[in-house]
PDB file of all heavy atoms in Angstrom:
ATOM      1  N   GLY A   1       8.811 -14.705 -11.091  1.00  0.00           N
ATOM      2  CA  GLY A   1       8.931 -15.225 -12.449  1.00  0.00           C
ATOM      3  C   GLY A   1       7.799 -14.811 -13.369  1.00  0.00           C
ATOM      4  O   GLY A   1       7.843 -15.116 -14.569  1.00  0.00           O
ATOM      5  N   MET A   2       6.779 -14.135 -12.847  1.00  0.00           N
ATOM      6  CA  MET A   2       5.656 -13.683 -13.667  1.00  0.00           C
ATOM      7  C   MET A   2       5.988 -12.347 -14.327  1.00  0.00           C
ATOM      8  O   MET A   2       6.791 -11.559 -13.817  1.00  0.00           O
ATOM      9  CB  MET A   2       4.408 -13.526 -12.791  1.00  0.00           C
ATOM     10  CG  MET A   2       3.950 -14.802 -12.113  1.00  0.00           C
ATOM     11  SD  MET A   2       3.118 -15.944 -13.248  1.00  0.00           S
ATOM     12  CE  MET A   2       1.524 -15.150 -13.400  1.00  0.00           C
ATOM     13  N   ASN A   3       5.364 -12.081 -15.465  1.00  0.00           N
ATOM     14  CA  ASN A   3       5.524 -10.807 -16.150  1.00  0.00           C
ATOM     15  C   ASN A   3       4.574  -9.770 -15.563  1.00  0.00           C
ATOM     16  O   ASN A   3       3.365 -10.020 -15.427  1.00  0.00           O
ATOM     17  CB  ASN A   3       5.256 -10.959 -17.651  1.00  0.00           C
ATOM     18  CG  ASN A   3       6.408 -11.615 -18.371  1.00  0.00           C
ATOM     19  OD1 ASN A   3       7.538 -11.601 -17.890  1.00  0.00           O
ATOM     20  ND2 ASN A   3       6.112 -12.204 -19.518  1.00  0.00           N
ATOM     21  N   TYR A   4       5.126  -8.612 -15.244  1.00  0.00           N
ATOM     22  CA  TYR A   4       4.346  -7.463 -14.790  1.00  0.00           C
ATOM     23  C   TYR A   4       4.405  -6.407 -15.888  1.00  0.00           C
ATOM     24  O   TYR A   4       5.258  -6.454 -16.782  1.00  0.00           O
ATOM     25  CB  TYR A   4       4.905  -6.911 -13.486  1.00  0.00           C
ATOM     26  CG  TYR A   4       4.717  -7.824 -12.289  1.00  0.00           C
ATOM     27  CD1 TYR A   4       5.479  -8.978 -12.149  1.00  0.00           C
ATOM     28  CD2 TYR A   4       3.778  -7.526 -11.313  1.00  0.00           C
ATOM     29  CE1 TYR A   4       5.303  -9.819 -11.049  1.00  0.00           C
ATOM     30  CE2 TYR A   4       3.600  -8.359 -10.212  1.00  0.00           C
ATOM     31  CZ  TYR A   4       4.364  -9.496 -10.084  1.00  0.00           C
ATOM     32  OH  TYR A   4       4.187 -10.324  -9.004  1.00  0.00           O
ATOM     33  N   TYR A   5       3.517  -5.407 -15.805  1.00  0.00           N
ATOM     34  CA  TYR A   5       3.398  -4.438 -16.892  1.00  0.00           C
ATOM     35  C   TYR A   5       3.441  -3.018 -16.353  1.00  0.00           C
ATOM     36  O   TYR A   5       2.877  -2.713 -15.297  1.00  0.00           O
ATOM     37  CB  TYR A   5       2.103  -4.672 -17.673  1.00  0.00           C
ATOM     38  CG  TYR A   5       1.977  -6.091 -18.165  1.00  0.00           C
ATOM     39  CD1 TYR A   5       1.263  -7.034 -17.431  1.00  0.00           C
ATOM     40  CD2 TYR A   5       2.610  -6.503 -19.332  1.00  0.00           C
ATOM     41  CE1 TYR A   5       1.175  -8.350 -17.856  1.00  0.00           C
ATOM     42  CE2 TYR A   5       2.528  -7.812 -19.763  1.00  0.00           C
ATOM     43  CZ  TYR A   5       1.811  -8.733 -19.027  1.00  0.00           C
ATOM     44  OH  TYR A   5       1.737 -10.031 -19.447  1.00  0.00           O
ATOM     45  N   LYS A   6       4.126  -2.153 -17.107  1.00  0.00           N
ATOM     46  CA  LYS A   6       4.272  -0.761 -16.732  1.00  0.00           C
ATOM     47  C   LYS A   6       4.045   0.122 -17.947  1.00  0.00           C
ATOM     48  O   LYS A   6       4.604  -0.130 -19.019  1.00  0.00           O
ATOM     49  CB  LYS A   6       5.672  -0.511 -16.165  1.00  0.00           C
ATOM     50  CG  LYS A   6       5.883   0.883 -15.615  1.00  0.00           C
ATOM     51  CD  LYS A   6       5.067   1.120 -14.354  1.00  0.00           C
ATOM     52  CE  LYS A   6       5.331   2.501 -13.797  1.00  0.00           C
ATOM     53  NZ  LYS A   6       4.546   2.758 -12.575  1.00  0.00           N
ATOM     54  N   ALA A   7       3.235   1.160 -17.793  1.00  0.00           N
ATOM     55  CA  ALA A   7       2.923   2.054 -18.912  1.00  0.00           C
ATOM     56  C   ALA A   7       3.918   3.198 -18.986  1.00  0.00           C
ATOM     57  O   ALA A   7       4.405   3.685 -17.967  1.00  0.00           O
ATOM     58  CB  ALA A   7       1.509   2.614 -18.758  1.00  0.00           C
ATOM     59  N   SER A   8       4.235   3.628 -20.211  1.00  0.00           N
ATOM     60  CA  SER A   8       5.087   4.801 -20.402  1.00  0.00           C
ATOM     61  C   SER A   8       4.225   6.060 -20.331  1.00  0.00           C
ATOM     62  O   SER A   8       3.018   6.030 -20.574  1.00  0.00           O
ATOM     63  CB  SER A   8       5.814   4.740 -21.744  1.00  0.00           C
ATOM     64  OG  SER A   8       4.885   4.844 -22.813  1.00  0.00           O
ATOM     65  N   LYS A   9       4.869   7.169 -20.002  1.00  0.00           N
ATOM     66  CA  LYS A   9       4.153   8.435 -19.833  1.00  0.00           C
ATOM     67  C   LYS A   9       4.389   9.339 -21.032  1.00  0.00           C
ATOM     68  O   LYS A   9       5.512   9.476 -21.519  1.00  0.00           O
ATOM     69  CB  LYS A   9       4.611   9.144 -18.560  1.00  0.00           C
ATOM     70  CG  LYS A   9       3.846  10.426 -18.272  1.00  0.00           C
ATOM     71  CD  LYS A   9       4.279  11.057 -16.962  1.00  0.00           C
ATOM     72  CE  LYS A   9       3.489  12.343 -16.684  1.00  0.00           C
ATOM     73  NZ  LYS A   9       3.889  12.965 -15.406  1.00  0.00           N
ATOM     74  N   THR A  10       3.319   9.972 -21.500  1.00  0.00           N
ATOM     75  CA  THR A  10       3.380  10.879 -22.645  1.00  0.00           C
ATOM     76  C   THR A  10       2.730  12.212 -22.288  1.00  0.00           C
ATOM     77  O   THR A  10       1.696  12.255 -21.616  1.00  0.00           O
ATOM     78  CB  THR A  10       2.656  10.275 -23.862  1.00  0.00           C
ATOM     79  OG1 THR A  10       3.293   9.056 -24.232  1.00  0.00           O
ATOM     80  CG2 THR A  10       2.681  11.228 -25.046  1.00  0.00           C
ATOM     81  N   ASN A  11       3.363  13.289 -22.740  1.00  0.00           N
ATOM     82  CA  ASN A  11       2.794  14.628 -22.630  1.00  0.00           C
ATOM     83  C   ASN A  11       2.576  15.184 -24.031  1.00  0.00           C
ATOM     84  O   ASN A  11       3.413  14.979 -24.925  1.00  0.00           O
ATOM     85  CB  ASN A  11       3.723  15.567 -21.857  1.00  0.00           C
ATOM     86  CG  ASN A  11       4.000  15.084 -20.449  1.00  0.00           C
ATOM     87  OD1 ASN A  11       3.085  14.738 -19.711  1.00  0.00           O
ATOM     88  ND2 ASN A  11       5.273  15.047 -20.063  1.00  0.00           N
ATOM     89  N   ALA A  12       1.486  15.880 -24.230  1.00  0.00           N
ATOM     90  CA  ALA A  12       1.218  16.502 -25.529  1.00  0.00           C
ATOM     91  C   ALA A  12       0.461  17.805 -25.316  1.00  0.00           C
ATOM     92  O   ALA A  12      -0.379  17.908 -24.412  1.00  0.00           O
ATOM     93  CB  ALA A  12       0.424  15.574 -26.442  1.00  0.00           C
ATOM     94  N   PHE A  13       0.777  18.777 -26.148  1.00  0.00           N
ATOM     95  CA  PHE A  13       0.119  20.085 -26.062  1.00  0.00           C
ATOM     96  C   PHE A  13       0.029  20.667 -27.468  1.00  0.00           C
ATOM     97  O   PHE A  13       0.947  20.518 -28.271  1.00  0.00           O
ATOM     98  CB  PHE A  13       0.923  21.030 -25.159  1.00  0.00           C
ATOM     99  CG  PHE A  13       0.447  22.461 -25.202  1.00  0.00           C
ATOM    100  CD1 PHE A  13      -0.664  22.855 -24.474  1.00  0.00           C
ATOM    101  CD2 PHE A  13       1.102  23.386 -25.992  1.00  0.00           C
ATOM    102  CE1 PHE A  13      -1.105  24.169 -24.532  1.00  0.00           C
ATOM    103  CE2 PHE A  13       0.663  24.710 -26.052  1.00  0.00           C
ATOM    104  CZ  PHE A  13      -0.442  25.100 -25.311  1.00  0.00           C
ATOM    105  N   TRP A  14      -1.077  21.311 -27.753  1.00  0.00           N
ATOM    106  CA  TRP A  14      -1.199  22.028 -29.013  1.00  0.00           C
ATOM    107  C   TRP A  14      -2.019  23.299 -28.825  1.00  0.00           C
ATOM    108  O   TRP A  14      -2.815  23.413 -27.897  1.00  0.00           O
ATOM    109  CB  TRP A  14      -1.819  21.158 -30.120  1.00  0.00           C
ATOM    110  CG  TRP A  14      -3.226  20.682 -29.878  1.00  0.00           C
ATOM    111  CD1 TRP A  14      -3.598  19.484 -29.363  1.00  0.00           C
ATOM    112  CD2 TRP A  14      -4.439  21.401 -30.150  1.00  0.00           C
ATOM    113  NE1 TRP A  14      -4.958  19.399 -29.299  1.00  0.00           N
ATOM    114  CE2 TRP A  14      -5.509  20.570 -29.769  1.00  0.00           C
ATOM    115  CE3 TRP A  14      -4.730  22.664 -30.657  1.00  0.00           C
ATOM    116  CZ2 TRP A  14      -6.850  20.960 -29.892  1.00  0.00           C
ATOM    117  CZ3 TRP A  14      -6.062  23.059 -30.781  1.00  0.00           C
ATOM    118  CH2 TRP A  14      -7.103  22.198 -30.408  1.00  0.00           C
ATOM    119  N   THR A  15      -1.785  24.244 -29.712  1.00  0.00           N
ATOM    120  CA  THR A  15      -2.545  25.489 -29.697  1.00  0.00           C
ATOM    121  C   THR A  15      -2.770  25.952 -31.130  1.00  0.00           C
ATOM    122  O   THR A  15      -1.969  25.651 -32.023  1.00  0.00           O
ATOM    123  CB  THR A  15      -1.809  26.583 -28.894  1.00  0.00           C
ATOM    124  OG1 THR A  15      -2.618  27.772 -28.834  1.00  0.00           O
ATOM    125  CG2 THR A  15      -0.477  26.925 -29.539  1.00  0.00           C
ATOM    126  N   GLU A  16      -3.854  26.649 -31.344  1.00  0.00           N
ATOM    127  CA  GLU A  16      -4.223  27.109 -32.680  1.00  0.00           C
ATOM    128  C   GLU A  16      -4.875  28.480 -32.572  1.00  0.00           C
ATOM    129  O   GLU A  16      -5.720  28.714 -31.709  1.00  0.00           O
ATOM    130  CB  GLU A  16      -5.190  26.110 -33.330  1.00  0.00           C
ATOM    131  CG  GLU A  16      -5.573  26.439 -34.761  1.00  0.00           C
ATOM    132  CD  GLU A  16      -6.541  25.422 -35.352  1.00  0.00           C
ATOM    133  OE1 GLU A  16      -7.009  24.532 -34.618  1.00  0.00           O
ATOM    134  OE2 GLU A  16      -6.841  25.532 -36.551  1.00  0.00           O
ATOM    135  N   ILE A  17      -4.473  29.378 -33.437  1.00  0.00           N
ATOM    136  CA  ILE A  17      -5.065  30.709 -33.482  1.00  0.00           C
ATOM    137  C   ILE A  17      -5.335  31.065 -34.931  1.00  0.00           C
ATOM    138  O   ILE A  17      -4.536  30.750 -35.822  1.00  0.00           O
ATOM    139  CB  ILE A  17      -4.153  31.768 -32.815  1.00  0.00           C
ATOM    140  CG1 ILE A  17      -4.865  33.123 -32.766  1.00  0.00           C
ATOM    141  CG2 ILE A  17      -2.796  31.862 -33.505  1.00  0.00           C
ATOM    142  CD1 ILE A  17      -4.154  34.140 -31.907  1.00  0.00           C
ATOM    143  N   GLY A  18      -6.494  31.694 -35.177  1.00  0.00           N
ATOM    144  CA  GLY A  18      -6.839  31.988 -36.558  1.00  0.00           C
ATOM    145  C   GLY A  18      -7.977  32.978 -36.677  1.00  0.00           C
ATOM    146  O   GLY A  18      -8.516  33.476 -35.680  1.00  0.00           O
ATOM    147  N   SER A  19      -8.342  33.227 -37.899  1.00  0.00           N
ATOM    148  CA  SER A  19      -9.385  34.198 -38.220  1.00  0.00           C
ATOM    149  C   SER A  19     -10.715  33.487 -38.462  1.00  0.00           C
ATOM    150  O   SER A  19     -10.748  32.358 -38.956  1.00  0.00           O
ATOM    151  CB  SER A  19      -8.988  34.990 -39.462  1.00  0.00           C
ATOM    152  OG  SER A  19     -10.081  35.741 -39.965  1.00  0.00           O
ATOM    153  N   ASN A  20     -11.804  34.160 -38.116  1.00  0.00           N
ATOM    154  CA  ASN A  20     -13.155  33.670 -38.429  1.00  0.00           C
ATOM    155  C   ASN A  20     -13.775  34.451 -39.587  1.00  0.00           C
ATOM    156  O   ASN A  20     -14.992  34.491 -39.732  1.00  0.00           O
ATOM    157  CB  ASN A  20     -14.060  33.783 -37.198  1.00  0.00           C
ATOM    158  CG  ASN A  20     -13.847  32.632 -36.227  1.00  0.00           C
ATOM    159  OD1 ASN A  20     -13.541  31.514 -36.624  1.00  0.00           O
ATOM    160  ND2 ASN A  20     -14.009  32.902 -34.938  1.00  0.00           N
ATOM    161  N   HIS A  21     -12.937  35.072 -40.412  1.00  0.00           N
ATOM    162  CA  HIS A  21     -13.426  35.833 -41.550  1.00  0.00           C
ATOM    163  C   HIS A  21     -14.201  34.915 -42.493  1.00  0.00           C
ATOM    164  O   HIS A  21     -13.862  33.745 -42.673  1.00  0.00           O
ATOM    165  CB  HIS A  21     -12.264  36.487 -42.295  1.00  0.00           C
ATOM    166  CG  HIS A  21     -12.682  37.539 -43.269  1.00  0.00           C
ATOM    167  ND1 HIS A  21     -13.058  37.246 -44.569  1.00  0.00           N
ATOM    168  CD2 HIS A  21     -12.809  38.881 -43.134  1.00  0.00           C
ATOM    169  CE1 HIS A  21     -13.387  38.356 -45.197  1.00  0.00           C
ATOM    170  NE2 HIS A  21     -13.238  39.376 -44.355  1.00  0.00           N
ATOM    171  N   ALA A  22     -15.238  35.445 -43.104  1.00  0.00           N
ATOM    172  CA  ALA A  22     -16.141  34.620 -43.911  1.00  0.00           C
ATOM    173  C   ALA A  22     -15.499  34.118 -45.202  1.00  0.00           C
ATOM    174  O   ALA A  22     -15.883  33.056 -45.715  1.00  0.00           O
ATOM    175  CB  ALA A  22     -17.399  35.415 -44.243  1.00  0.00           C
ATOM    176  N   THR A  23     -14.536  34.847 -45.770  1.00  0.00           N
ATOM    177  CA  THR A  23     -13.972  34.449 -47.061  1.00  0.00           C
ATOM    178  C   THR A  23     -12.512  34.017 -46.968  1.00  0.00           C
ATOM    179  O   THR A  23     -12.120  33.007 -47.538  1.00  0.00           O
ATOM    180  CB  THR A  23     -14.094  35.601 -48.082  1.00  0.00           C
ATOM    181  OG1 THR A  23     -13.487  36.780 -47.530  1.00  0.00           O
ATOM    182  CG2 THR A  23     -15.563  35.878 -48.388  1.00  0.00           C
ATOM    183  N   VAL A  24     -11.680  34.779 -46.265  1.00  0.00           N
ATOM    184  CA  VAL A  24     -10.271  34.427 -46.103  1.00  0.00           C
ATOM    185  C   VAL A  24      -9.988  34.288 -44.612  1.00  0.00           C
ATOM    186  O   VAL A  24     -10.134  35.246 -43.854  1.00  0.00           O
ATOM    187  CB  VAL A  24      -9.340  35.490 -46.724  1.00  0.00           C
ATOM    188  CG1 VAL A  24      -7.877  35.089 -46.513  1.00  0.00           C
ATOM    189  CG2 VAL A  24      -9.648  35.666 -48.198  1.00  0.00           C
ATOM    190  N   ALA A  25      -9.574  33.097 -44.189  1.00  0.00           N
ATOM    191  CA  ALA A  25      -9.410  32.820 -42.754  1.00  0.00           C
ATOM    192  C   ALA A  25      -8.108  32.073 -42.495  1.00  0.00           C
ATOM    193  O   ALA A  25      -8.091  30.854 -42.352  1.00  0.00           O
ATOM    194  CB  ALA A  25     -10.603  32.023 -42.227  1.00  0.00           C
ATOM    195  N   PRO A  26      -6.983  32.779 -42.443  1.00  0.00           N
ATOM    196  CA  PRO A  26      -5.719  32.114 -42.136  1.00  0.00           C
ATOM    197  C   PRO A  26      -5.659  31.674 -40.676  1.00  0.00           C
ATOM    198  O   PRO A  26      -6.333  32.241 -39.808  1.00  0.00           O
ATOM    199  CB  PRO A  26      -4.676  33.201 -42.426  1.00  0.00           C
ATOM    200  CG  PRO A  26      -5.406  34.482 -42.198  1.00  0.00           C
ATOM    201  CD  PRO A  26      -6.825  34.223 -42.649  1.00  0.00           C
ATOM    202  N   ALA A  27      -4.838  30.648 -40.407  1.00  0.00           N
ATOM    203  CA  ALA A  27      -4.680  30.141 -39.048  1.00  0.00           C
ATOM    204  C   ALA A  27      -3.309  29.497 -38.913  1.00  0.00           C
ATOM    205  O   ALA A  27      -2.691  29.097 -39.902  1.00  0.00           O
ATOM    206  CB  ALA A  27      -5.776  29.138 -38.703  1.00  0.00           C
ATOM    207  N   VAL A  28      -2.832  29.402 -37.670  1.00  0.00           N
ATOM    208  CA  VAL A  28      -1.553  28.770 -37.370  1.00  0.00           C
ATOM    209  C   VAL A  28      -1.770  27.711 -36.302  1.00  0.00           C
ATOM    210  O   VAL A  28      -2.465  27.957 -35.299  1.00  0.00           O
ATOM    211  CB  VAL A  28      -0.516  29.802 -36.875  1.00  0.00           C
ATOM    212  CG1 VAL A  28       0.781  29.099 -36.476  1.00  0.00           C
ATOM    213  CG2 VAL A  28      -0.238  30.835 -37.948  1.00  0.00           C
ATOM    214  N   PHE A  29      -1.194  26.535 -36.512  1.00  0.00           N
ATOM    215  CA  PHE A  29      -1.299  25.419 -35.577  1.00  0.00           C
ATOM    216  C   PHE A  29       0.091  25.049 -35.095  1.00  0.00           C
ATOM    217  O   PHE A  29       1.004  24.848 -35.900  1.00  0.00           O
ATOM    218  CB  PHE A  29      -1.965  24.218 -36.271  1.00  0.00           C
ATOM    219  CG  PHE A  29      -2.012  22.964 -35.435  1.00  0.00           C
ATOM    220  CD1 PHE A  29      -2.930  22.830 -34.409  1.00  0.00           C
ATOM    221  CD2 PHE A  29      -1.139  21.913 -35.692  1.00  0.00           C
ATOM    222  CE1 PHE A  29      -2.978  21.677 -33.640  1.00  0.00           C
ATOM    223  CE2 PHE A  29      -1.184  20.747 -34.932  1.00  0.00           C
ATOM    224  CZ  PHE A  29      -2.098  20.638 -33.901  1.00  0.00           C
ATOM    225  N   PHE A  30       0.275  24.960 -33.781  1.00  0.00           N
ATOM    226  CA  PHE A  30       1.547  24.572 -33.190  1.00  0.00           C
ATOM    227  C   PHE A  30       1.310  23.441 -32.203  1.00  0.00           C
ATOM    228  O   PHE A  30       0.362  23.500 -31.410  1.00  0.00           O
ATOM    229  CB  PHE A  30       2.198  25.749 -32.465  1.00  0.00           C
ATOM    230  CG  PHE A  30       3.413  25.350 -31.654  1.00  0.00           C
ATOM    231  CD1 PHE A  30       4.644  25.209 -32.265  1.00  0.00           C
ATOM    232  CD2 PHE A  30       3.309  25.104 -30.294  1.00  0.00           C
ATOM    233  CE1 PHE A  30       5.756  24.821 -31.539  1.00  0.00           C
ATOM    234  CE2 PHE A  30       4.420  24.716 -29.555  1.00  0.00           C
ATOM    235  CZ  PHE A  30       5.652  24.576 -30.177  1.00  0.00           C
ATOM    236  N   ALA A  31       2.170  22.406 -32.247  1.00  0.00           N
ATOM    237  CA  ALA A  31       1.973  21.266 -31.358  1.00  0.00           C
ATOM    238  C   ALA A  31       3.315  20.717 -30.882  1.00  0.00           C
ATOM    239  O   ALA A  31       4.340  20.840 -31.577  1.00  0.00           O
ATOM    240  CB  ALA A  31       1.189  20.173 -32.072  1.00  0.00           C
ATOM    241  N   TYR A  32       3.294  20.110 -29.708  1.00  0.00           N
ATOM    242  CA  TYR A  32       4.502  19.524 -29.124  1.00  0.00           C
ATOM    243  C   TYR A  32       4.109  18.275 -28.347  1.00  0.00           C
ATOM    244  O   TYR A  32       3.071  18.254 -27.660  1.00  0.00           O
ATOM    245  CB  TYR A  32       5.174  20.527 -28.186  1.00  0.00           C
ATOM    246  CG  TYR A  32       6.310  19.938 -27.380  1.00  0.00           C
ATOM    247  CD1 TYR A  32       7.588  19.809 -27.930  1.00  0.00           C
ATOM    248  CD2 TYR A  32       6.110  19.505 -26.073  1.00  0.00           C
ATOM    249  CE1 TYR A  32       8.634  19.266 -27.208  1.00  0.00           C
ATOM    250  CE2 TYR A  32       7.157  18.955 -25.337  1.00  0.00           C
ATOM    251  CZ  TYR A  32       8.407  18.840 -25.902  1.00  0.00           C
ATOM    252  OH  TYR A  32       9.438  18.292 -25.177  1.00  0.00           O
TER     253      TYR A  32
END
């Protein structure tokens, strides 16, 4: 009759690639 507890599971991933140029530095970020 007591309440017990269970955690849900989550997965997450992200990646980012970009330029280190001093003036113009585009980049792309992707996550799931």
